[in-house]
């Protein structure tokens, strides 16, 4: 799970907040480190790119669902 990836990619402000219900490991990368890592031609960078795509896809689906709900409830 990636949080805050959209801001990293588009240069926007950090807007993510993470809350966990059990013990978890949370890692933080500076924007420059993230972008450098994502540009590499390594298996780890490919995993990072795939996680980024999955995260952004989920965000897009969620936004579409919320927009649909608003439009369906409009008079």
C-alpha atoms as a PDB file:
ATOM      1  CA  UNK A   1       0.000   0.000   0.000  1.00  0.00           C
ATOM      2  CA  UNK A   2       1.367   3.408  -0.954  1.00  0.00           C
ATOM      3  CA  UNK A   3       0.115   6.572   0.723  1.00  0.00           C
ATOM      4  CA  UNK A   4       0.895  10.058  -0.478  1.00  0.00           C
ATOM      5  CA  UNK A   5       2.104   8.916  -3.880  1.00  0.00           C
ATOM      6  CA  UNK A   6      -0.098  11.328  -5.818  1.00  0.00           C
ATOM      7  CA  UNK A   7       1.547  14.353  -4.222  1.00  0.00           C
ATOM      8  CA  UNK A   8       4.962  12.923  -5.000  1.00  0.00           C
ATOM      9  CA  UNK A   9       4.091  12.433  -8.649  1.00  0.00           C
ATOM     10  CA  UNK A  10       2.305  15.715  -9.327  1.00  0.00           C
ATOM     11  CA  UNK A  11       4.356  17.911  -6.997  1.00  0.00           C
ATOM     12  CA  UNK A  12       1.380  18.656  -4.774  1.00  0.00           C
ATOM     13  CA  UNK A  13       1.220  18.909  -1.022  1.00  0.00           C
ATOM     14  CA  UNK A  14       1.102  15.848   1.207  1.00  0.00           C
ATOM     15  CA  UNK A  15      -2.528  15.052   1.999  1.00  0.00           C
ATOM     16  CA  UNK A  16      -2.384  11.457   3.234  1.00  0.00           C
ATOM     17  CA  UNK A  17      -2.885  10.332   6.791  1.00  0.00           C
ATOM     18  CA  UNK A  18      -2.221   6.794   7.938  1.00  0.00           C
ATOM     19  CA  UNK A  19      -3.927   5.161  10.921  1.00  0.00           C
ATOM     20  CA  UNK A  20      -3.436   1.485  11.773  1.00  0.00           C
ATOM     21  CA  UNK A  21      -5.368  -0.861  14.042  1.00  0.00           C
ATOM     22  CA  UNK A  22      -2.454  -3.174  14.740  1.00  0.00           C
ATOM     23  CA  UNK A  23       1.331  -3.175  14.717  1.00  0.00           C
ATOM     24  CA  UNK A  24       2.594  -2.038  11.330  1.00  0.00           C
ATOM     25  CA  UNK A  25       5.730  -0.881   9.610  1.00  0.00           C
ATOM     26  CA  UNK A  26       5.520   2.518   7.956  1.00  0.00           C
ATOM     27  CA  UNK A  27       8.319   3.742   5.741  1.00  0.00           C
ATOM     28  CA  UNK A  28       8.820   7.291   4.582  1.00  0.00           C
ATOM     29  CA  UNK A  29      10.839   8.476   1.594  1.00  0.00           C
ATOM     30  CA  UNK A  30      11.696  11.963   0.536  1.00  0.00           C
ATOM     31  CA  UNK A  31      10.243  12.960  -2.841  1.00  0.00           C
ATOM     32  CA  UNK A  32      13.685  12.978  -4.480  1.00  0.00           C
ATOM     33  CA  UNK A  33      14.449   9.484  -3.154  1.00  0.00           C
ATOM     34  CA  UNK A  34      11.090   8.137  -4.340  1.00  0.00           C
ATOM     35  CA  UNK A  35      11.450   9.574  -7.837  1.00  0.00           C
ATOM     36  CA  UNK A  36      15.048   8.365  -8.135  1.00  0.00           C
ATOM     37  CA  UNK A  37      14.026   4.875  -6.997  1.00  0.00           C
ATOM     38  CA  UNK A  38      11.049   4.771  -9.381  1.00  0.00           C
ATOM     39  CA  UNK A  39      13.257   5.667 -12.373  1.00  0.00           C
ATOM     40  CA  UNK A  40      15.718   2.835 -11.858  1.00  0.00           C
ATOM     41  CA  UNK A  41      15.722  -0.274 -14.031  1.00  0.00           C
ATOM     42  CA  UNK A  42      15.692  -2.762 -11.163  1.00  0.00           C
ATOM     43  CA  UNK A  43      13.179  -5.337  -9.925  1.00  0.00           C
ATOM     44  CA  UNK A  44      12.585  -3.206  -6.802  1.00  0.00           C
ATOM     45  CA  UNK A  45      11.806  -0.155  -8.928  1.00  0.00           C
ATOM     46  CA  UNK A  46       9.354  -2.220 -10.993  1.00  0.00           C
ATOM     47  CA  UNK A  47       7.545  -3.231  -7.799  1.00  0.00           C
ATOM     48  CA  UNK A  48       7.434   0.421  -6.752  1.00  0.00           C
ATOM     49  CA  UNK A  49       5.952   1.428 -10.125  1.00  0.00           C
ATOM     50  CA  UNK A  50       3.361  -1.354  -9.935  1.00  0.00           C
ATOM     51  CA  UNK A  51       2.345  -0.304  -6.413  1.00  0.00           C
ATOM     52  CA  UNK A  52       2.052   3.278  -7.625  1.00  0.00           C
ATOM     53  CA  UNK A  53      -0.212   2.255 -10.517  1.00  0.00           C
ATOM     54  CA  UNK A  54      -2.396   0.097  -8.262  1.00  0.00           C
ATOM     55  CA  UNK A  55      -2.704   2.893  -5.700  1.00  0.00           C
ATOM     56  CA  UNK A  56      -3.601   5.526  -8.300  1.00  0.00           C
ATOM     57  CA  UNK A  57      -6.093   3.158  -9.943  1.00  0.00           C
ATOM     58  CA  UNK A  58      -7.845   2.593  -6.608  1.00  0.00           C
ATOM     59  CA  UNK A  59      -7.974   6.348  -6.007  1.00  0.00           C
ATOM     60  CA  UNK A  60      -9.503   6.908  -9.443  1.00  0.00           C
ATOM     61  CA  UNK A  61     -12.127   4.191  -8.902  1.00  0.00           C
ATOM     62  CA  UNK A  62     -13.006   5.692  -5.498  1.00  0.00           C
ATOM     63  CA  UNK A  63     -13.336   9.189  -6.945  1.00  0.00           C
ATOM     64  CA  UNK A  64     -15.502   7.882  -9.790  1.00  0.00           C
ATOM     65  CA  UNK A  65     -17.774   6.060  -7.333  1.00  0.00           C
ATOM     66  CA  UNK A  66     -18.145   9.185  -5.180  1.00  0.00           C
ATOM     67  CA  UNK A  67     -18.928  11.334  -8.228  1.00  0.00           C
ATOM     68  CA  UNK A  68     -21.488   8.790  -9.441  1.00  0.00           C
ATOM     69  CA  UNK A  69     -23.190   8.821  -6.026  1.00  0.00           C
ATOM     70  CA  UNK A  70     -23.390  12.612  -6.025  1.00  0.00           C
ATOM     71  CA  UNK A  71     -24.788  12.730  -9.553  1.00  0.00           C
ATOM     72  CA  UNK A  72     -27.352  10.031  -8.812  1.00  0.00           C
ATOM     73  CA  UNK A  73     -28.575  11.893  -5.710  1.00  0.00           C
ATOM     74  CA  UNK A  74     -28.912  15.245  -7.541  1.00  0.00           C
ATOM     75  CA  UNK A  75     -32.490  16.388  -8.252  1.00  0.00           C
END
